[in-house]
Amino acid sequence: MNKRVIPGLAALLLAACSGNSGPADAQPQDQPAGAAVPPTSATDFTASRLDQVLAGDWRSPENRARDVYRHPKATLQFFGVRPDQTVIEITPGGGWYSEILAPLLRDNGHYIAAVLKPKDDGEARRDVTALREKFAGNPAHFGKAQILEFDPKAPVFGAPGSADMILTFRNVHNWVIADTAPTMFKAFYAALRPGGVLGVVDHRAADNANVDAIKESGYLPTSFVVKLATDAGFKLEEQSEINANPKDTKDYPKGVWTLPPTLTLGDQDKAKYLAIGESDRMTLRFVKPEAPAKSP
């Protein structure tokens, strides 16, 4: 995983650990009993910042309600996100994770929302318009966020090796349906620096499921997604059950969209699907291998 710490984060960590924000000649005081202990490592610092961001009043109540299903703190910690990184989120939709990542990376990192280049007035244009309005409406938290438009048939996500991390949440099934998945994963590989991380969350089918038979349901076998990534050059570093849901039977009339938050069937069996919750999801961390050392 990426252990690099840029000077900005190192300075913030040093200030947090010192706990001294007063004048240089102020006398040191004993730590009051029960007072908050400053973070003592980059991991602690990131956890503290995530707690602050997740509690931010800029997050909509509807999005906060999804935390119980999406486990954003544990998921981002598993991927190894830090506030000093350049992170690209692929097709963030309405910006659920943008509300977390953009403020987290605002001061010492760089958040890039990679969105489909709109061709008409369909979903892609609605998403990018809503995202631009979200960012413009709250410059204090989103003012430094960048939006990058890409062509899914020839995607480019910045200069080669320019990103520390690429994240995608519940999107791979769409690329499989559109037959653009291999091209997308190769573009991720190109944009990441050696040692960079690709984090993937998606709806999980049974591992022996036939992809052609079930891909329209929104579910994919984990092994299929792993192969997409490894064929592009990535190495599977670890997988997690953070976003598992054993209640998900994966056999619904409208596929994964039968479940919340979409609830495609409306009020039909709504209580049943709310009781199940959001889908069972794979959570995968891939790494772009470091370049082999050159012989002297």
C-alpha atoms as a PDB file:
ATOM      1  CA  MET A   1       0.000   0.000   0.000  1.00  0.00           C
ATOM      2  CA  ASN A   2       1.007   3.598  -0.501  1.00  0.00           C
ATOM      3  CA  LYS A   3       3.061   4.820   2.459  1.00  0.00           C
ATOM      4  CA  ARG A   4       4.090   8.172   0.993  1.00  0.00           C
ATOM      5  CA  VAL A   5       3.260  11.177   3.176  1.00  0.00           C
ATOM      6  CA  ILE A   6       3.510  14.590   1.537  1.00  0.00           C
ATOM      7  CA  PRO A   7       4.831  17.574   3.528  1.00  0.00           C
ATOM      8  CA  GLY A   8       1.352  19.061   4.038  1.00  0.00           C
ATOM      9  CA  LEU A   9       0.020  15.947   5.745  1.00  0.00           C
ATOM     10  CA  ALA A  10       3.227  15.486   7.709  1.00  0.00           C
ATOM     11  CA  ALA A  11       2.928  19.046   9.008  1.00  0.00           C
ATOM     12  CA  LEU A  12      -0.712  18.546   9.967  1.00  0.00           C
ATOM     13  CA  LEU A  13       0.130  15.299  11.722  1.00  0.00           C
ATOM     14  CA  LEU A  14       2.984  16.973  13.594  1.00  0.00           C
ATOM     15  CA  ALA A  15       0.687  19.783  14.686  1.00  0.00           C
ATOM     16  CA  ALA A  16      -1.999  17.320  15.774  1.00  0.00           C
ATOM     17  CA  CYS A  17       0.490  15.248  17.735  1.00  0.00           C
ATOM     18  CA  SER A  18       2.066  18.280  19.406  1.00  0.00           C
ATOM     19  CA  GLY A  19      -1.294  19.619  20.494  1.00  0.00           C
ATOM     20  CA  ASN A  20       0.342  23.053  20.714  1.00  0.00           C
ATOM     21  CA  SER A  21      -1.580  25.703  18.837  1.00  0.00           C
ATOM     22  CA  GLY A  22      -0.869  28.591  21.175  1.00  0.00           C
ATOM     23  CA  PRO A  23       1.926  31.214  21.206  1.00  0.00           C
ATOM     24  CA  ALA A  24       5.497  29.968  21.019  1.00  0.00           C
ATOM     25  CA  ASP A  25       6.287  31.260  24.520  1.00  0.00           C
ATOM     26  CA  ALA A  26       3.199  29.755  26.156  1.00  0.00           C
ATOM     27  CA  GLN A  27       3.923  27.419  29.064  1.00  0.00           C
ATOM     28  CA  PRO A  28       3.047  23.741  28.517  1.00  0.00           C
ATOM     29  CA  GLN A  29       0.070  22.491  30.512  1.00  0.00           C
ATOM     30  CA  ASP A  30      -0.919  19.063  31.729  1.00  0.00           C
ATOM     31  CA  GLN A  31      -3.420  17.201  29.550  1.00  0.00           C
ATOM     32  CA  PRO A  32      -6.846  17.476  31.240  1.00  0.00           C
ATOM     33  CA  ALA A  33      -8.391  14.180  32.295  1.00  0.00           C
ATOM     34  CA  GLY A  34     -10.709  12.834  29.622  1.00  0.00           C
ATOM     35  CA  ALA A  35      -9.472  15.234  26.957  1.00  0.00           C
ATOM     36  CA  ALA A  36      -9.287  14.047  23.373  1.00  0.00           C
ATOM     37  CA  VAL A  37      -5.944  12.480  22.552  1.00  0.00           C
ATOM     38  CA  PRO A  38      -4.395  13.839  19.340  1.00  0.00           C
ATOM     39  CA  PRO A  39      -3.677  11.333  16.571  1.00  0.00           C
ATOM     40  CA  THR A  40      -0.246   9.746  16.772  1.00  0.00           C
ATOM     41  CA  SER A  41       0.078   8.250  13.283  1.00  0.00           C
ATOM     42  CA  ALA A  42      -1.033   8.830   9.699  1.00  0.00           C
ATOM     43  CA  THR A  43      -3.636   6.077  10.191  1.00  0.00           C
ATOM     44  CA  ASP A  44      -5.047   7.762  13.292  1.00  0.00           C
ATOM     45  CA  PHE A  45      -5.019  11.135  11.569  1.00  0.00           C
ATOM     46  CA  THR A  46      -6.942   9.787   8.586  1.00  0.00           C
ATOM     47  CA  ALA A  47      -9.473   8.061  10.863  1.00  0.00           C
ATOM     48  CA  SER A  48     -10.005  11.312  12.751  1.00  0.00           C
ATOM     49  CA  ARG A  49     -10.493  13.273   9.529  1.00  0.00           C
ATOM     50  CA  LEU A  50     -12.932  10.663   8.221  1.00  0.00           C
ATOM     51  CA  ASP A  51     -14.985  10.978  11.405  1.00  0.00           C
ATOM     52  CA  GLN A  52     -15.111  14.745  10.951  1.00  0.00           C
ATOM     53  CA  VAL A  53     -16.106  14.504   7.292  1.00  0.00           C
ATOM     54  CA  LEU A  54     -18.767  11.846   7.877  1.00  0.00           C
ATOM     55  CA  ALA A  55     -20.324  14.100  10.520  1.00  0.00           C
ATOM     56  CA  GLY A  56     -20.270  17.110   8.185  1.00  0.00           C
ATOM     57  CA  ASP A  57     -23.524  19.044   7.860  1.00  0.00           C
ATOM     58  CA  TRP A  58     -23.022  19.328   4.083  1.00  0.00           C
ATOM     59  CA  ARG A  59     -23.933  15.643   3.733  1.00  0.00           C
ATOM     60  CA  SER A  60     -27.606  15.199   2.927  1.00  0.00           C
ATOM     61  CA  PRO A  61     -29.801  13.268   5.403  1.00  0.00           C
ATOM     62  CA  GLU A  62     -30.665  10.805   2.624  1.00  0.00           C
ATOM     63  CA  ASN A  63     -27.001  10.070   2.024  1.00  0.00           C
ATOM     64  CA  ARG A  64     -26.227   9.740   5.737  1.00  0.00           C
ATOM     65  CA  ALA A  65     -28.963   7.106   5.979  1.00  0.00           C
ATOM     66  CA  ARG A  66     -26.985   4.921   3.552  1.00  0.00           C
ATOM     67  CA  ASP A  67     -23.905   4.767   5.821  1.00  0.00           C
ATOM     68  CA  VAL A  68     -25.297   1.726   7.610  1.00  0.00           C
ATOM     69  CA  TYR A  69     -25.237  -0.186   4.302  1.00  0.00           C
ATOM     70  CA  ARG A  70     -22.156   1.304   2.640  1.00  0.00           C
ATOM     71  CA  HIS A  71     -19.747   1.493   5.600  1.00  0.00           C
ATOM     72  CA  PRO A  72     -17.801   4.430   4.158  1.00  0.00           C
ATOM     73  CA  LYS A  73     -15.223   4.764   6.936  1.00  0.00           C
ATOM     74  CA  ALA A  74     -14.294   1.083   7.019  1.00  0.00           C
ATOM     75  CA  THR A  75     -14.357   0.854   3.219  1.00  0.00           C
ATOM     76  CA  LEU A  76     -12.073   3.846   2.672  1.00  0.00           C
ATOM     77  CA  GLN A  77      -9.722   2.682   5.416  1.00  0.00           C
ATOM     78  CA  PHE A  78      -9.556  -0.742   3.780  1.00  0.00           C
ATOM     79  CA  PHE A  79      -8.579   0.870   0.484  1.00  0.00           C
ATOM     80  CA  GLY A  80      -5.953   2.948   2.303  1.00  0.00           C
ATOM     81  CA  VAL A  81      -7.251   6.425   1.451  1.00  0.00           C
ATOM     82  CA  ARG A  82      -5.277   9.297   3.008  1.00  0.00           C
ATOM     83  CA  PRO A  83      -5.921  13.054   2.900  1.00  0.00           C
ATOM     84  CA  ASP A  84      -2.683  13.719   0.955  1.00  0.00           C
ATOM     85  CA  GLN A  85      -3.468  11.568  -2.077  1.00  0.00           C
ATOM     86  CA  THR A  86      -4.654  12.205  -5.607  1.00  0.00           C
ATOM     87  CA  VAL A  87      -7.826  10.120  -5.828  1.00  0.00           C
ATOM     88  CA  ILE A  88      -9.972   9.617  -8.914  1.00  0.00           C
ATOM     89  CA  GLU A  89     -13.529   8.391  -8.389  1.00  0.00           C
ATOM     90  CA  ILE A  90     -15.038   6.817 -11.500  1.00  0.00           C
ATOM     91  CA  THR A  91     -18.625   7.816 -12.380  1.00  0.00           C
ATOM     92  CA  PRO A  92     -19.683   9.059  -8.938  1.00  0.00           C
ATOM     93  CA  GLY A  93     -23.331   9.445 -10.018  1.00  0.00           C
ATOM     94  CA  GLY A  94     -25.100  11.816  -7.679  1.00  0.00           C
ATOM     95  CA  GLY A  95     -21.975  12.284  -5.597  1.00  0.00           C
ATOM     96  CA  TRP A  96     -22.609  10.055  -2.583  1.00  0.00           C
ATOM     97  CA  TYR A  97     -18.899   9.407  -2.063  1.00  0.00           C
ATOM     98  CA  SER A  98     -18.006  12.871  -3.425  1.00  0.00           C
ATOM     99  CA  GLU A  99     -19.516  14.372  -0.269  1.00  0.00           C
ATOM    100  CA  ILE A 100     -16.914  12.407   1.698  1.00  0.00           C
ATOM    101  CA  LEU A 101     -13.859  12.289  -0.544  1.00  0.00           C
ATOM    102  CA  ALA A 102     -13.777  15.879  -1.821  1.00  0.00           C
ATOM    103  CA  PRO A 103     -13.719  17.474   1.669  1.00  0.00           C
ATOM    104  CA  LEU A 104     -11.305  14.807   2.949  1.00  0.00           C
ATOM    105  CA  LEU A 105      -8.808  15.580   0.176  1.00  0.00           C
ATOM    106  CA  ARG A 106      -9.450  19.306  -0.060  1.00  0.00           C
ATOM    107  CA  ASP A 107      -6.467  20.701   1.845  1.00  0.00           C
ATOM    108  CA  ASN A 108      -3.608  18.302   1.106  1.00  0.00           C
ATOM    109  CA  GLY A 109      -4.786  16.026  -1.683  1.00  0.00           C
ATOM    110  CA  HIS A 110      -6.731  16.175  -4.927  1.00  0.00           C
ATOM    111  CA  TYR A 111     -10.188  14.749  -5.657  1.00  0.00           C
ATOM    112  CA  ILE A 112     -11.133  14.107  -9.279  1.00  0.00           C
ATOM    113  CA  ALA A 113     -14.637  12.992 -10.263  1.00  0.00           C
ATOM    114  CA  ALA A 114     -14.400  11.170 -13.607  1.00  0.00           C
ATOM    115  CA  VAL A 115     -17.767  11.348 -15.355  1.00  0.00           C
ATOM    116  CA  LEU A 116     -19.104  10.068 -18.659  1.00  0.00           C
ATOM    117  CA  LYS A 117     -18.945  12.673 -21.386  1.00  0.00           C
ATOM    118  CA  PRO A 118     -22.626  13.527 -21.993  1.00  0.00           C
ATOM    119  CA  LYS A 119     -23.904  12.928 -25.507  1.00  0.00           C
ATOM    120  CA  ASP A 120     -27.547  13.863 -24.956  1.00  0.00           C
ATOM    121  CA  ASP A 121     -29.951  14.884 -22.207  1.00  0.00           C
ATOM    122  CA  GLY A 122     -29.935  11.444 -20.590  1.00  0.00           C
ATOM    123  CA  GLU A 123     -28.643  10.166 -17.263  1.00  0.00           C
ATOM    124  CA  ALA A 124     -25.002  11.087 -17.903  1.00  0.00           C
ATOM    125  CA  ARG A 125     -25.853  14.742 -18.474  1.00  0.00           C
ATOM    126  CA  ARG A 126     -28.154  14.850 -15.459  1.00  0.00           C
ATOM    127  CA  ASP A 127     -25.426  13.368 -13.274  1.00  0.00           C
ATOM    128  CA  VAL A 128     -22.683  15.743 -14.383  1.00  0.00           C
ATOM    129  CA  THR A 129     -25.008  18.745 -14.124  1.00  0.00           C
ATOM    130  CA  ALA A 130     -26.034  17.778 -10.588  1.00  0.00           C
ATOM    131  CA  LEU A 131     -22.410  17.201  -9.600  1.00  0.00           C
ATOM    132  CA  ARG A 132     -21.292  20.580 -10.943  1.00  0.00           C
ATOM    133  CA  GLU A 133     -24.150  22.251  -9.061  1.00  0.00           C
ATOM    134  CA  LYS A 134     -23.198  20.401  -5.868  1.00  0.00           C
ATOM    135  CA  PHE A 135     -19.568  21.514  -6.123  1.00  0.00           C
ATOM    136  CA  ALA A 136     -20.425  25.100  -7.091  1.00  0.00           C
ATOM    137  CA  GLY A 137     -23.010  25.396  -4.321  1.00  0.00           C
ATOM    138  CA  ASN A 138     -20.528  24.629  -1.543  1.00  0.00           C
ATOM    139  CA  PRO A 139     -17.072  25.949  -2.487  1.00  0.00           C
ATOM    140  CA  ALA A 140     -15.863  25.713   1.115  1.00  0.00           C
ATOM    141  CA  HIS A 141     -15.938  21.916   0.884  1.00  0.00           C
ATOM    142  CA  PHE A 142     -15.988  21.154  -2.853  1.00  0.00           C
ATOM    143  CA  GLY A 143     -14.266  24.190  -4.382  1.00  0.00           C
ATOM    144  CA  LYS A 144     -11.034  22.330  -5.140  1.00  0.00           C
ATOM    145  CA  ALA A 145     -12.702  19.224  -6.564  1.00  0.00           C
ATOM    146  CA  GLN A 146     -12.164  18.588 -10.267  1.00  0.00           C
ATOM    147  CA  ILE A 147     -14.560  17.059 -12.791  1.00  0.00           C
ATOM    148  CA  LEU A 148     -12.988  15.111 -15.655  1.00  0.00           C
ATOM    149  CA  GLU A 149     -15.137  13.949 -18.562  1.00  0.00           C
ATOM    150  CA  PHE A 150     -14.165  10.755 -20.390  1.00  0.00           C
ATOM    151  CA  ASP A 151     -15.247   8.715 -23.402  1.00  0.00           C
ATOM    152  CA  PRO A 152     -16.015   5.150 -22.194  1.00  0.00           C
ATOM    153  CA  LYS A 153     -14.802   3.693 -25.493  1.00  0.00           C
ATOM    154  CA  ALA A 154     -11.424   5.472 -25.246  1.00  0.00           C
ATOM    155  CA  PRO A 155     -11.107   6.553 -21.598  1.00  0.00           C
ATOM    156  CA  VAL A 156      -8.221   8.662 -20.315  1.00  0.00           C
ATOM    157  CA  PHE A 157      -8.035   9.573 -16.635  1.00  0.00           C
ATOM    158  CA  GLY A 158      -5.176  12.036 -16.638  1.00  0.00           C
ATOM    159  CA  ALA A 159      -1.460  11.784 -17.316  1.00  0.00           C
ATOM    160  CA  PRO A 160       0.089   8.313 -17.011  1.00  0.00           C
ATOM    161  CA  GLY A 161       1.076   7.524 -13.433  1.00  0.00           C
ATOM    162  CA  SER A 162      -0.566  10.670 -12.039  1.00  0.00           C
ATOM    163  CA  ALA A 163      -3.007   9.124  -9.528  1.00  0.00           C
ATOM    164  CA  ASP A 164      -2.367   7.488  -6.162  1.00  0.00           C
ATOM    165  CA  MET A 165      -5.748   5.773  -6.062  1.00  0.00           C
ATOM    166  CA  ILE A 166      -8.744   5.074  -8.294  1.00  0.00           C
ATOM    167  CA  LEU A 167     -12.053   4.127  -6.701  1.00  0.00           C
ATOM    168  CA  THR A 168     -15.258   2.859  -8.256  1.00  0.00           C
ATOM    169  CA  PHE A 169     -18.453   2.010  -6.420  1.00  0.00           C
ATOM    170  CA  ARG A 170     -21.152  -0.160  -8.045  1.00  0.00           C
ATOM    171  CA  ASN A 171     -20.152   0.576 -11.644  1.00  0.00           C
ATOM    172  CA  VAL A 172     -18.383  -2.478 -13.077  1.00  0.00           C
ATOM    173  CA  HIS A 173     -21.658  -4.206 -13.970  1.00  0.00           C
ATOM    174  CA  ASN A 174     -22.591  -1.217 -16.157  1.00  0.00           C
ATOM    175  CA  TRP A 175     -19.317  -1.508 -18.085  1.00  0.00           C
ATOM    176  CA  VAL A 176     -19.846  -5.235 -18.525  1.00  0.00           C
ATOM    177  CA  ILE A 177     -23.302  -4.603 -19.974  1.00  0.00           C
ATOM    178  CA  ALA A 178     -21.851  -1.909 -22.278  1.00  0.00           C
ATOM    179  CA  ASP A 179     -18.870  -4.131 -23.208  1.00  0.00           C
ATOM    180  CA  THR A 180     -16.356  -1.455 -22.132  1.00  0.00           C
ATOM    181  CA  ALA A 181     -15.016  -3.096 -18.945  1.00  0.00           C
ATOM    182  CA  PRO A 182     -11.615  -4.311 -20.273  1.00  0.00           C
ATOM    183  CA  THR A 183     -10.909  -0.864 -21.768  1.00  0.00           C
ATOM    184  CA  MET A 184     -11.823   0.858 -18.508  1.00  0.00           C
ATOM    185  CA  PHE A 185      -9.523  -1.321 -16.392  1.00  0.00           C
ATOM    186  CA  LYS A 186      -6.618  -0.748 -18.779  1.00  0.00           C
ATOM    187  CA  ALA A 187      -7.186   3.008 -18.494  1.00  0.00           C
ATOM    188  CA  PHE A 188      -7.149   2.743 -14.692  1.00  0.00           C
ATOM    189  CA  TYR A 189      -3.811   0.938 -14.890  1.00  0.00           C
ATOM    190  CA  ALA A 190      -2.362   3.658 -17.105  1.00  0.00           C
ATOM    191  CA  ALA A 191      -3.462   6.508 -14.822  1.00  0.00           C
ATOM    192  CA  LEU A 192      -2.148   4.990 -11.578  1.00  0.00           C
ATOM    193  CA  ARG A 193       1.440   5.360 -10.444  1.00  0.00           C
ATOM    194  CA  PRO A 194       3.369   2.145  -9.701  1.00  0.00           C
ATOM    195  CA  GLY A 195       2.189   0.986  -6.286  1.00  0.00           C
ATOM    196  CA  GLY A 196      -1.092   2.830  -6.732  1.00  0.00           C
ATOM    197  CA  VAL A 197      -4.371   1.273  -5.575  1.00  0.00           C
ATOM    198  CA  LEU A 198      -7.560   0.431  -7.443  1.00  0.00           C
ATOM    199  CA  GLY A 199     -10.531  -0.002  -5.091  1.00  0.00           C
ATOM    200  CA  VAL A 200     -13.650  -1.740  -6.403  1.00  0.00           C
ATOM    201  CA  VAL A 201     -17.052  -2.250  -4.797  1.00  0.00           C
ATOM    202  CA  ASP A 202     -19.810  -3.978  -6.757  1.00  0.00           C
ATOM    203  CA  HIS A 203     -22.869  -6.201  -6.439  1.00  0.00           C
ATOM    204  CA  ARG A 204     -21.734  -9.792  -5.870  1.00  0.00           C
ATOM    205  CA  ALA A 205     -23.209 -12.817  -7.637  1.00  0.00           C
ATOM    206  CA  ALA A 206     -22.460 -16.425  -6.771  1.00  0.00           C
ATOM    207  CA  ASP A 207     -18.952 -17.192  -7.971  1.00  0.00           C
ATOM    208  CA  ASN A 208     -20.153 -19.992 -10.273  1.00  0.00           C
ATOM    209  CA  ALA A 209     -22.781 -17.777 -11.935  1.00  0.00           C
ATOM    210  CA  ASN A 210     -22.738 -17.445 -15.719  1.00  0.00           C
ATOM    211  CA  VAL A 211     -21.902 -13.817 -16.508  1.00  0.00           C
ATOM    212  CA  ASP A 212     -23.866 -13.668 -19.748  1.00  0.00           C
ATOM    213  CA  ALA A 213     -26.931 -15.069 -17.984  1.00  0.00           C
ATOM    214  CA  ILE A 214     -26.896 -12.718 -14.986  1.00  0.00           C
ATOM    215  CA  LYS A 215     -25.128  -9.511 -16.024  1.00  0.00           C
ATOM    216  CA  GLU A 216     -28.416  -7.691 -16.732  1.00  0.00           C
ATOM    217  CA  SER A 217     -29.331  -8.267 -13.079  1.00  0.00           C
ATOM    218  CA  GLY A 218     -26.503  -5.962 -11.947  1.00  0.00           C
ATOM    219  CA  TYR A 219     -24.645  -8.749 -10.124  1.00  0.00           C
ATOM    220  CA  LEU A 220     -21.213 -10.105 -11.094  1.00  0.00           C
ATOM    221  CA  PRO A 221     -19.076 -12.996  -9.807  1.00  0.00           C
ATOM    222  CA  THR A 222     -16.063 -11.817  -7.825  1.00  0.00           C
ATOM    223  CA  SER A 223     -13.758 -14.036  -9.874  1.00  0.00           C
ATOM    224  CA  PHE A 224     -14.920 -12.317 -13.066  1.00  0.00           C
ATOM    225  CA  VAL A 225     -14.108  -8.845 -11.701  1.00  0.00           C
ATOM    226  CA  VAL A 226     -10.753 -10.058 -10.413  1.00  0.00           C
ATOM    227  CA  LYS A 227      -9.921 -11.364 -13.887  1.00  0.00           C
ATOM    228  CA  LEU A 228     -10.836  -8.036 -15.487  1.00  0.00           C
ATOM    229  CA  ALA A 229      -8.352  -6.313 -13.185  1.00  0.00           C
ATOM    230  CA  THR A 230      -5.562  -8.866 -13.395  1.00  0.00           C
ATOM    231  CA  ASP A 231      -5.861  -9.044 -17.188  1.00  0.00           C
ATOM    232  CA  ALA A 232      -5.181  -5.291 -17.170  1.00  0.00           C
ATOM    233  CA  GLY A 233      -2.013  -5.821 -15.115  1.00  0.00           C
ATOM    234  CA  PHE A 234      -3.251  -5.385 -11.539  1.00  0.00           C
ATOM    235  CA  LYS A 235      -2.533  -7.673  -8.615  1.00  0.00           C
ATOM    236  CA  LEU A 236      -5.314  -8.518  -6.169  1.00  0.00           C
ATOM    237  CA  GLU A 237      -3.899  -7.415  -2.822  1.00  0.00           C
ATOM    238  CA  GLU A 238      -6.837  -8.128  -0.519  1.00  0.00           C
ATOM    239  CA  GLN A 239     -10.606  -8.546  -0.412  1.00  0.00           C
ATOM    240  CA  SER A 240     -12.966  -7.673   2.414  1.00  0.00           C
ATOM    241  CA  GLU A 241     -16.426  -8.611   3.667  1.00  0.00           C
ATOM    242  CA  ILE A 242     -17.091  -5.050   4.885  1.00  0.00           C
ATOM    243  CA  ASN A 243     -20.001  -4.662   2.464  1.00  0.00           C
ATOM    244  CA  ALA A 244     -21.361  -8.211   2.589  1.00  0.00           C
ATOM    245  CA  ASN A 245     -25.105  -8.750   3.083  1.00  0.00           C
ATOM    246  CA  PRO A 246     -26.146 -12.395   3.666  1.00  0.00           C
ATOM    247  CA  LYS A 247     -29.832 -11.381   3.465  1.00  0.00           C
ATOM    248  CA  ASP A 248     -29.478 -10.640  -0.248  1.00  0.00           C
ATOM    249  CA  THR A 249     -30.905 -13.609  -2.212  1.00  0.00           C
ATOM    250  CA  LYS A 250     -29.981 -12.037  -5.604  1.00  0.00           C
ATOM    251  CA  ASP A 251     -33.069 -13.351  -7.395  1.00  0.00           C
ATOM    252  CA  TYR A 252     -35.358 -10.352  -7.768  1.00  0.00           C
ATOM    253  CA  PRO A 253     -37.725  -9.476 -10.617  1.00  0.00           C
ATOM    254  CA  LYS A 254     -35.869  -6.256 -11.452  1.00  0.00           C
ATOM    255  CA  GLY A 255     -32.393  -7.396 -10.492  1.00  0.00           C
ATOM    256  CA  VAL A 256     -30.370  -5.515  -7.903  1.00  0.00           C
ATOM    257  CA  TRP A 257     -32.448  -2.390  -8.545  1.00  0.00           C
ATOM    258  CA  THR A 258     -35.365  -4.104  -6.772  1.00  0.00           C
ATOM    259  CA  LEU A 259     -33.520  -3.418  -3.505  1.00  0.00           C
ATOM    260  CA  PRO A 260     -32.970  -0.028  -1.880  1.00  0.00           C
ATOM    261  CA  PRO A 261     -32.081   2.645  -2.571  1.00  0.00           C
ATOM    262  CA  THR A 262     -33.652   2.287  -6.060  1.00  0.00           C
ATOM    263  CA  LEU A 263     -36.717   0.182  -5.128  1.00  0.00           C
ATOM    264  CA  THR A 264     -37.772  -0.155  -8.768  1.00  0.00           C
ATOM    265  CA  LEU A 265     -41.005  -1.952  -7.847  1.00  0.00           C
ATOM    266  CA  GLY A 266     -42.165   1.034  -5.797  1.00  0.00           C
ATOM    267  CA  ASP A 267     -44.536   0.044  -2.990  1.00  0.00           C
ATOM    268  CA  GLN A 268     -44.790  -3.589  -4.139  1.00  0.00           C
ATOM    269  CA  ASP A 269     -43.220  -5.685  -1.341  1.00  0.00           C
ATOM    270  CA  LYS A 270     -41.392  -2.538  -0.235  1.00  0.00           C
ATOM    271  CA  ALA A 271     -41.166  -3.576   3.407  1.00  0.00           C
ATOM    272  CA  LYS A 272     -39.635  -6.898   2.380  1.00  0.00           C
ATOM    273  CA  TYR A 273     -36.912  -5.258   0.308  1.00  0.00           C
ATOM    274  CA  LEU A 274     -36.204  -2.599   2.926  1.00  0.00           C
ATOM    275  CA  ALA A 275     -35.722  -5.393   5.456  1.00  0.00           C
ATOM    276  CA  ILE A 276     -33.125  -6.976   3.164  1.00  0.00           C
ATOM    277  CA  GLY A 277     -31.293  -3.682   2.723  1.00  0.00           C
ATOM    278  CA  GLU A 278     -28.766  -2.858   0.022  1.00  0.00           C
ATOM    279  CA  SER A 279     -27.068  -5.559  -2.019  1.00  0.00           C
ATOM    280  CA  ASP A 280     -24.380  -8.035  -1.049  1.00  0.00           C
ATOM    281  CA  ARG A 281     -21.144  -6.485  -2.338  1.00  0.00           C
ATOM    282  CA  MET A 282     -17.597  -7.499  -3.064  1.00  0.00           C
ATOM    283  CA  THR A 283     -14.909  -5.090  -1.834  1.00  0.00           C
ATOM    284  CA  LEU A 284     -11.596  -5.562  -3.630  1.00  0.00           C
ATOM    285  CA  ARG A 285      -8.242  -3.786  -3.344  1.00  0.00           C
ATOM    286  CA  PHE A 286      -5.900  -4.133  -6.307  1.00  0.00           C
ATOM    287  CA  VAL A 287      -2.406  -2.692  -6.677  1.00  0.00           C
ATOM    288  CA  LYS A 288      -0.427  -1.679  -9.737  1.00  0.00           C
ATOM    289  CA  PRO A 289       2.877  -3.491  -9.280  1.00  0.00           C
ATOM    290  CA  GLU A 290       5.987  -1.442  -8.677  1.00  0.00           C
ATOM    291  CA  ALA A 291       8.311  -1.289 -11.664  1.00  0.00           C
ATOM    292  CA  PRO A 292      11.049  -3.925 -11.403  1.00  0.00           C
ATOM    293  CA  ALA A 293      14.418  -2.582 -10.306  1.00  0.00           C
ATOM    294  CA  LYS A 294      16.847  -2.016 -13.151  1.00  0.00           C
ATOM    295  CA  SER A 295      20.128  -3.931 -13.137  1.00  0.00           C
ATOM    296  CA  PRO A 296      23.213  -1.807 -12.423  1.00  0.00           C
END
